[in-house]
Amino acid sequence: MGASRPERILFVCTGNTCRSPMAEALARRHFVGEALAFGSAGLAAVPGEPASAHAEAAVAAYGASLGAHRARRLDDQAVAWADLILTMTEAHRESVLSLFPDAAGKVWTLGAWVRHLAEAAGGATPPGGALSSAWGDPGALDIPDPFGLGREAYERTAEVLDALLSAWKAMWYNEPESENEPESDGLKGQAQADAPQRGSKMRVAIGADHGGYALKETIKAFLTETLGHEVIDVGTHSEASVDYPDYAFPVAEMVARGEADRGVLICGTGIGMAIAANKVSGVRAALVHDLFSAKATRAHNDSNVLTMGGRVIGPDVAKEIVRVWLETPFDGGRHARRIDKIAAREARKQPVEAAEPAVPEGCGAEKEAR
């Protein structure tokens, strides 16, 4: 492979009903929002076959879906489309090269590819879990075939795939600014220790004013029914006109006290909720309306409250933003040092001695003319 990163990645197994579509679905989740395209195919696939039920259940635990997948046989068109072809085993790789010798140079096993990235980055740290014992031998990094072995085998395969994809993503997107960049001693260790792990259940406090009520109801159902989190709903409970600070403060205070892992606040634009929530010590509220910012504000800012505008974005985008924001861990390192500086400033902030002038009616950013 050249110095440029591949943008079109094709996963290959035998029948394209379990391993390669699982890898494709999990890759889409790991790299959501990035300018990458993923596909999958099988050396002996029966075109049109759906993914196996066990494969679909295994990736669903990671927030991915195979409901729309249909098997495809590996052909000239698929090989030409791909910048990078990742097979599940060494035997698959050899078969691909035998059938498509012109693809030499862009065909790897998934395990060997991830190890190659690690070595190019100056280290070969194992992803952990099911891969630790095999990491020293790229030839032993074949993805186990779960076909005919029951649901637990598919879950183990999903675990291996997820570990490899997590390591790949970390090496592409979590690179330090410099080799000598110091890490903060303050927030990194505690933040990473306290952060909920992928797939773990969180307590999410949610609130909205009348402008965000409809979207709040959609997000609340998504959090509980799709993602499996516990939700604390502080209101509002109708579209009757209310004041956004009355909902921003309770959610922000729950997060600051540790009564909720994260908070989600929705008003007409998300601006008023962000301003109000950030008045609570210990809260880092971020206004987000796109996937890149959802990821960045978690990875770089360790935001613990998400605000959105119910009159700005639609429900499907909002749900994806919430999913990405909840799943993205804090990177720590240089970013923790920057958060420590904000916390230090916040800690020495003095109360205002003079009384604040009253704000005239109608001057609030979120005041509705009703």
Protein backbone atom coordinates (compact mmCIF):
# COMPACT_ATOMS: atom_id res chain seq x y z
CA MET A 1 0.00 0.00 0.00
CA GLY A 2 1.12 3.55 -0.66
CA ALA A 3 1.37 6.38 1.83
CA SER A 4 -2.25 7.52 1.25
CA ARG A 5 -4.97 5.93 3.31
CA PRO A 6 -7.45 3.65 1.52
CA GLU A 7 -10.97 5.02 1.22
CA ARG A 8 -12.83 1.95 -0.15
CA ILE A 9 -12.41 -1.17 1.96
CA LEU A 10 -13.76 -4.60 1.02
CA PHE A 11 -14.01 -7.45 3.54
CA VAL A 12 -13.91 -10.99 2.15
CA CYS A 13 -14.81 -14.39 3.61
CA THR A 14 -16.32 -17.56 2.14
CA GLY A 15 -20.09 -17.21 2.01
CA ASN A 16 -20.56 -13.50 2.84
CA THR A 17 -23.22 -14.32 5.42
CA CYS A 18 -21.26 -14.08 8.67
CA ARG A 19 -17.65 -12.90 9.08
CA SER A 20 -17.22 -10.41 6.24
CA PRO A 21 -20.63 -8.73 6.64
CA MET A 22 -20.05 -8.59 10.41
CA ALA A 23 -16.73 -6.84 9.75
CA GLU A 24 -18.41 -4.46 7.31
CA ALA A 25 -21.21 -3.56 9.74
CA LEU A 26 -18.85 -3.05 12.68
CA ALA A 27 -16.47 -0.98 10.55
CA ARG A 28 -19.32 1.32 9.59
CA ARG A 29 -20.02 1.87 13.28
CA HIS A 30 -16.38 2.46 14.21
CA PHE A 31 -15.70 4.88 11.37
CA VAL A 32 -19.07 6.63 11.27
CA GLY A 33 -18.76 10.16 9.91
CA GLU A 34 -15.47 9.47 8.14
CA ALA A 35 -14.99 9.67 4.35
CA LEU A 36 -14.72 5.90 4.01
CA ALA A 37 -16.79 3.31 2.13
CA PHE A 38 -17.09 -0.32 3.21
CA GLY A 39 -18.30 -3.40 1.40
CA SER A 40 -18.10 -7.17 1.69
CA ALA A 41 -18.14 -10.21 -0.57
CA GLY A 42 -17.64 -13.98 -0.45
CA LEU A 43 -15.45 -16.29 -2.47
CA ALA A 44 -18.25 -18.83 -2.68
CA ALA A 45 -21.26 -16.67 -1.87
CA VAL A 46 -24.77 -17.44 -3.05
CA PRO A 47 -25.92 -14.01 -4.28
CA GLY A 48 -28.88 -12.59 -2.38
CA GLU A 49 -28.54 -14.72 0.76
CA PRO A 50 -29.23 -12.74 3.97
CA ALA A 51 -26.80 -12.60 6.86
CA SER A 52 -27.20 -15.40 9.39
CA ALA A 53 -29.48 -14.66 12.34
CA HIS A 54 -26.64 -15.27 14.80
CA ALA A 55 -24.39 -12.83 12.93
CA GLU A 56 -27.10 -10.18 13.00
CA ALA A 57 -27.62 -10.68 16.74
CA ALA A 58 -23.89 -10.55 17.46
CA VAL A 59 -23.32 -7.18 15.77
CA ALA A 60 -26.53 -5.73 17.19
CA ALA A 61 -24.84 -5.83 20.61
CA TYR A 62 -22.39 -3.23 19.23
CA GLY A 63 -25.11 -1.01 17.76
CA ALA A 64 -24.65 -2.30 14.19
CA SER A 65 -27.20 -3.85 11.85
CA LEU A 66 -27.19 -6.52 9.14
CA GLY A 67 -30.90 -6.40 8.38
CA ALA A 68 -30.41 -5.11 4.83
CA HIS A 69 -27.38 -7.25 3.96
CA ARG A 70 -27.49 -9.58 0.97
CA ALA A 71 -24.58 -11.81 0.00
CA ARG A 72 -22.39 -10.95 -2.99
CA ARG A 73 -19.82 -13.12 -4.74
CA LEU A 74 -16.35 -11.63 -5.12
CA ASP A 75 -15.90 -10.53 -8.75
CA ASP A 76 -13.80 -8.26 -10.96
CA GLN A 77 -16.03 -5.28 -10.27
CA ALA A 78 -15.73 -5.60 -6.49
CA VAL A 79 -11.95 -6.07 -6.68
CA ALA A 80 -11.56 -3.03 -8.95
CA TRP A 81 -13.72 -0.91 -6.64
CA ALA A 82 -11.65 -1.60 -3.52
CA ASP A 83 -8.54 0.30 -2.46
CA LEU A 84 -7.97 -2.31 0.23
CA ILE A 85 -9.18 -5.91 0.43
CA LEU A 86 -9.18 -7.47 3.88
CA THR A 87 -9.76 -11.20 4.15
CA MET A 88 -10.75 -13.08 7.25
CA THR A 89 -8.03 -15.74 6.98
CA GLU A 90 -4.70 -16.36 5.27
CA ALA A 91 -6.37 -19.06 3.15
CA HIS A 92 -8.89 -16.48 1.93
CA ARG A 93 -6.04 -14.09 1.04
CA GLU A 94 -4.27 -16.75 -0.99
CA SER A 95 -7.49 -17.59 -2.83
CA VAL A 96 -8.11 -13.94 -3.69
CA LEU A 97 -4.59 -13.56 -5.07
CA SER A 98 -4.97 -16.77 -7.06
CA LEU A 99 -8.20 -15.57 -8.65
CA PHE A 100 -7.20 -11.91 -9.01
CA PRO A 101 -3.39 -11.71 -9.26
CA ASP A 102 -3.53 -8.06 -10.31
CA ALA A 103 -4.84 -7.23 -6.81
CA ALA A 104 -1.45 -8.05 -5.26
CA GLY A 105 -0.41 -5.20 -3.01
CA LYS A 106 -3.86 -4.36 -1.72
CA VAL A 107 -4.89 -7.72 -0.24
CA TRP A 108 -4.23 -8.43 3.44
CA THR A 109 -5.82 -10.44 6.17
CA LEU A 110 -7.57 -8.11 8.59
CA GLY A 111 -5.28 -9.21 11.43
CA ALA A 112 -2.10 -8.68 9.41
CA TRP A 113 -3.34 -5.26 8.25
CA VAL A 114 -3.91 -4.04 11.81
CA ARG A 115 -0.54 -5.38 12.92
CA HIS A 116 1.07 -3.62 9.93
CA LEU A 117 -0.48 -0.34 11.07
CA ALA A 118 0.81 -0.90 14.60
CA GLU A 119 4.34 -1.59 13.39
CA ALA A 120 4.25 1.46 11.09
CA ALA A 121 3.22 3.56 14.11
CA GLY A 122 6.28 2.36 16.00
CA GLY A 123 4.77 -0.31 18.19
CA ALA A 124 2.84 -3.54 18.19
CA THR A 125 0.55 -3.28 21.19
CA PRO A 126 -2.07 -6.03 21.12
CA PRO A 127 -5.70 -4.91 21.01
CA GLY A 128 -6.37 -7.09 24.05
CA GLY A 129 -9.14 -9.55 24.85
CA ALA A 130 -9.42 -12.48 22.48
CA LEU A 131 -6.42 -11.33 20.40
CA SER A 132 -3.71 -10.95 23.02
CA SER A 133 -2.28 -14.48 22.76
CA ALA A 134 -2.12 -14.40 18.95
CA TRP A 135 -0.81 -10.87 18.50
CA GLY A 136 2.82 -11.87 18.25
CA ASP A 137 2.13 -14.10 15.22
CA PRO A 138 0.29 -12.42 12.31
CA GLY A 139 -0.37 -15.85 10.81
CA ALA A 140 -2.35 -16.78 13.92
CA LEU A 141 -4.69 -13.80 13.55
CA ASP A 142 -7.26 -15.56 11.38
CA ILE A 143 -10.80 -14.56 12.27
CA PRO A 144 -12.51 -17.66 13.71
CA ASP A 145 -15.29 -19.12 11.57
CA PRO A 146 -18.48 -19.37 13.65
CA PHE A 147 -20.55 -21.13 10.98
CA GLY A 148 -22.62 -23.94 12.49
CA LEU A 149 -21.26 -23.40 16.02
CA GLY A 150 -24.09 -21.50 17.68
CA ARG A 151 -24.60 -17.96 18.93
CA GLU A 152 -21.69 -17.89 21.37
CA ALA A 153 -19.24 -18.58 18.54
CA TYR A 154 -20.65 -15.63 16.59
CA GLU A 155 -20.31 -13.44 19.67
CA ARG A 156 -16.64 -14.45 20.02
CA THR A 157 -16.07 -13.64 16.35
CA ALA A 158 -17.72 -10.24 16.81
CA GLU A 159 -15.45 -9.62 19.81
CA VAL A 160 -12.34 -10.33 17.74
CA LEU A 161 -13.53 -8.16 14.85
CA ASP A 162 -14.45 -5.30 17.17
CA ALA A 163 -11.05 -5.44 18.90
CA LEU A 164 -9.19 -5.29 15.58
CA LEU A 165 -11.33 -2.44 14.28
CA SER A 166 -10.92 -0.52 17.54
CA ALA A 167 -7.14 -0.87 17.27
CA TRP A 168 -7.23 0.23 13.62
CA LYS A 169 -9.30 3.31 14.42
CA ALA A 170 -7.05 4.25 17.33
CA MET A 171 -3.95 4.13 15.15
CA TRP A 172 -5.56 6.25 12.45
CA TYR A 173 -7.30 8.89 14.53
CA ASN A 174 -5.79 8.98 18.02
CA GLU A 175 -2.19 9.70 17.03
CA PRO A 176 -0.33 12.12 19.35
CA GLU A 177 0.67 15.55 18.07
CA SER A 178 4.31 14.76 18.79
CA GLU A 179 6.36 11.97 20.32
CA ASN A 180 7.33 14.21 23.25
CA GLU A 181 3.84 15.54 23.97
CA PRO A 182 3.34 15.34 27.76
CA GLU A 183 0.20 13.84 29.19
CA SER A 184 -1.81 15.43 31.94
CA ASP A 185 -1.66 13.77 35.34
CA GLY A 186 -4.94 15.34 36.32
CA LEU A 187 -7.92 14.24 34.27
CA LYS A 188 -6.80 11.49 31.90
CA GLY A 189 -6.63 8.55 34.26
CA GLN A 190 -9.77 9.43 36.18
CA ALA A 191 -11.77 10.29 33.08
CA GLN A 192 -10.89 7.03 31.37
CA ALA A 193 -11.52 5.03 34.53
CA ASP A 194 -14.92 6.66 35.04
CA ALA A 195 -16.03 6.58 31.40
CA PRO A 196 -18.69 3.98 30.59
CA GLN A 197 -17.35 1.29 28.28
CA ARG A 198 -18.79 0.53 24.83
CA GLY A 199 -21.93 -1.51 25.21
CA SER A 200 -22.33 -0.70 28.94
CA LYS A 201 -25.57 0.69 30.28
CA MET A 202 -25.58 4.41 31.10
CA ARG A 203 -27.92 6.67 33.04
CA VAL A 204 -28.77 9.55 30.72
CA ALA A 205 -30.61 12.60 32.03
CA ILE A 206 -32.68 14.32 29.35
CA GLY A 207 -34.61 17.56 29.25
CA ALA A 208 -36.20 19.93 26.77
CA ASP A 209 -38.33 23.03 26.48
CA HIS A 210 -41.35 23.30 24.20
CA GLY A 211 -39.11 23.79 21.15
CA GLY A 212 -37.33 20.51 21.79
CA TYR A 213 -40.17 18.43 23.23
CA ALA A 214 -40.92 16.39 20.10
CA LEU A 215 -37.27 15.54 19.47
CA LYS A 216 -36.79 14.72 23.16
CA GLU A 217 -39.49 12.09 22.97
CA THR A 218 -37.83 10.54 19.91
CA ILE A 219 -34.38 10.52 21.53
CA LYS A 220 -35.76 9.13 24.80
CA ALA A 221 -37.27 6.15 22.98
CA PHE A 222 -34.04 5.66 21.00
CA LEU A 223 -31.95 5.68 24.19
CA THR A 224 -34.08 3.10 25.97
CA GLU A 225 -35.44 0.85 23.23
CA THR A 226 -32.53 0.81 20.76
CA LEU A 227 -29.44 1.54 22.86
CA GLY A 228 -30.65 0.02 26.13
CA HIS A 229 -29.76 2.92 28.42
CA GLU A 230 -31.65 4.16 31.46
CA VAL A 231 -33.24 7.59 30.98
CA ILE A 232 -34.14 10.20 33.59
CA ASP A 233 -36.64 12.57 31.96
CA VAL A 234 -36.90 15.94 33.75
CA GLY A 235 -39.46 17.32 31.25
CA THR A 236 -41.01 19.24 29.70
CA HIS A 237 -43.92 16.93 28.96
CA SER A 238 -45.84 18.92 26.37
CA GLU A 239 -45.40 21.66 23.77
CA ALA A 240 -46.77 24.35 26.11
CA SER A 241 -44.36 27.29 26.34
CA VAL A 242 -41.79 26.98 29.16
CA ASP A 243 -38.36 28.40 30.05
CA TYR A 244 -35.33 26.35 28.99
CA PRO A 245 -33.17 27.07 32.10
CA ASP A 246 -35.74 25.24 34.22
CA TYR A 247 -34.76 22.02 32.42
CA ALA A 248 -31.11 22.73 31.65
CA PHE A 249 -30.12 23.19 35.29
CA PRO A 250 -31.60 19.94 36.68
CA VAL A 251 -29.99 17.84 33.94
CA ALA A 252 -26.63 19.60 34.30
CA GLU A 253 -26.69 19.26 38.09
CA MET A 254 -27.44 15.52 37.88
CA VAL A 255 -24.39 15.07 35.65
CA ALA A 256 -22.20 17.25 37.88
CA ARG A 257 -23.23 15.28 41.00
CA GLY A 258 -22.66 11.93 39.29
CA GLU A 259 -26.33 10.98 39.42
CA ALA A 260 -26.30 10.65 35.62
CA ASP A 261 -23.46 9.53 33.37
CA ARG A 262 -24.40 11.96 30.58
CA GLY A 263 -27.02 14.59 29.85
CA VAL A 264 -28.96 15.50 26.70
CA LEU A 265 -30.73 18.85 26.38
CA ILE A 266 -32.90 20.04 23.49
CA CYS A 267 -34.48 23.41 22.79
CA GLY A 268 -35.31 25.19 19.55
CA THR A 269 -31.69 25.77 18.54
CA GLY A 270 -29.72 24.10 21.34
CA ILE A 271 -27.99 27.40 22.08
CA GLY A 272 -29.94 28.42 25.16
CA MET A 273 -29.59 24.96 26.71
CA ALA A 274 -25.81 25.01 26.15
CA ILE A 275 -25.43 28.45 27.72
CA ALA A 276 -27.48 27.48 30.77
CA ALA A 277 -25.91 24.04 31.29
CA ASN A 278 -22.39 25.47 31.17
CA LYS A 279 -23.19 27.68 34.16
CA VAL A 280 -23.11 24.53 36.33
CA SER A 281 -19.64 23.75 37.70
CA GLY A 282 -18.18 20.54 36.30
CA VAL A 283 -20.39 20.49 33.22
CA ARG A 284 -18.95 20.64 29.72
CA ALA A 285 -21.97 21.07 27.47
CA ALA A 286 -21.49 20.99 23.70
CA LEU A 287 -23.92 22.14 21.01
CA VAL A 288 -23.74 19.56 18.21
CA HIS A 289 -25.54 19.24 14.89
CA ASP A 290 -23.15 16.98 12.92
CA LEU A 291 -21.35 13.65 13.42
CA PHE A 292 -17.82 15.03 13.25
CA SER A 293 -18.49 17.43 16.12
CA ALA A 294 -20.26 14.69 18.10
CA LYS A 295 -17.12 12.59 17.95
CA ALA A 296 -14.65 15.45 18.45
CA THR A 297 -16.38 16.94 21.47
CA ARG A 298 -16.14 13.62 23.28
CA ALA A 299 -12.63 12.68 22.15
CA HIS A 300 -11.09 16.13 22.65
CA ASN A 301 -13.35 18.01 25.10
CA ASP A 302 -14.73 15.17 27.28
CA SER A 303 -18.16 16.79 27.00
CA ASN A 304 -20.69 15.35 29.40
CA VAL A 305 -23.81 17.17 28.23
CA LEU A 306 -25.02 17.23 24.62
CA THR A 307 -27.34 19.97 23.38
CA MET A 308 -29.25 20.00 20.09
CA GLY A 309 -31.86 22.11 18.34
CA GLY A 310 -35.21 20.53 17.69
CA ARG A 311 -35.85 23.12 14.97
CA VAL A 312 -32.42 22.65 13.38
CA ILE A 313 -31.96 18.92 12.71
CA GLY A 314 -34.19 15.97 11.97
CA PRO A 315 -34.72 12.93 14.17
CA ASP A 316 -32.57 10.50 12.18
CA VAL A 317 -29.49 12.74 12.28
CA ALA A 318 -30.13 13.50 15.94
CA LYS A 319 -30.26 9.80 16.83
CA GLU A 320 -26.98 9.13 15.05
CA ILE A 321 -25.37 12.10 16.81
CA VAL A 322 -26.51 10.75 20.18
CA ARG A 323 -25.20 7.27 19.38
CA VAL A 324 -21.78 8.53 18.26
CA TRP A 325 -21.52 10.92 21.20
CA LEU A 326 -22.32 8.22 23.74
CA GLU A 327 -19.94 5.67 22.18
CA THR A 328 -16.89 7.92 21.68
CA PRO A 329 -14.34 7.77 24.54
CA PHE A 330 -12.22 10.68 25.76
CA ASP A 331 -8.71 10.58 24.30
CA GLY A 332 -6.97 12.07 27.35
CA GLY A 333 -3.32 13.05 26.84
CA ARG A 334 -2.86 16.62 25.64
CA HIS A 335 -6.64 17.08 25.66
CA ALA A 336 -6.79 16.27 29.38
CA ARG A 337 -4.22 18.99 30.06
CA ARG A 338 -6.47 21.50 28.33
CA ILE A 339 -9.54 20.36 30.25
CA ASP A 340 -7.53 20.63 33.49
CA LYS A 341 -6.90 24.31 32.70
CA ILE A 342 -10.62 24.94 32.30
CA ALA A 343 -11.35 23.12 35.57
CA ALA A 344 -8.67 25.14 37.39
CA ARG A 345 -10.17 28.39 36.14
CA GLU A 346 -13.62 27.21 37.15
CA ALA A 347 -12.40 26.30 40.65
CA ARG A 348 -11.08 29.79 41.38
CA LYS A 349 -14.04 31.65 39.91
CA GLN A 350 -15.38 34.19 42.41
CA PRO A 351 -19.07 35.06 42.89
CA VAL A 352 -20.22 38.35 41.38
CA GLU A 353 -20.60 40.93 44.16
CA ALA A 354 -22.79 43.43 42.35
CA ALA A 355 -26.33 42.47 41.54
CA GLU A 356 -26.90 41.58 37.93
CA PRO A 357 -29.31 43.90 36.07
CA ALA A 358 -32.63 42.32 35.26
CA VAL A 359 -32.98 41.02 31.73
CA PRO A 360 -36.02 42.55 30.04
CA GLU A 361 -38.77 40.20 28.95
CA GLY A 362 -38.20 38.95 25.41
CA CYS A 363 -34.39 39.25 25.37
CA GLY A 364 -33.62 35.59 26.04
CA ALA A 365 -32.08 33.73 23.11
CA GLU A 366 -34.76 31.08 23.26
CA LYS A 367 -37.82 33.21 24.22
CA GLU A 368 -40.76 32.31 22.01
CA ALA A 369 -43.34 34.78 20.80
CA ARG A 370 -46.48 33.01 21.89
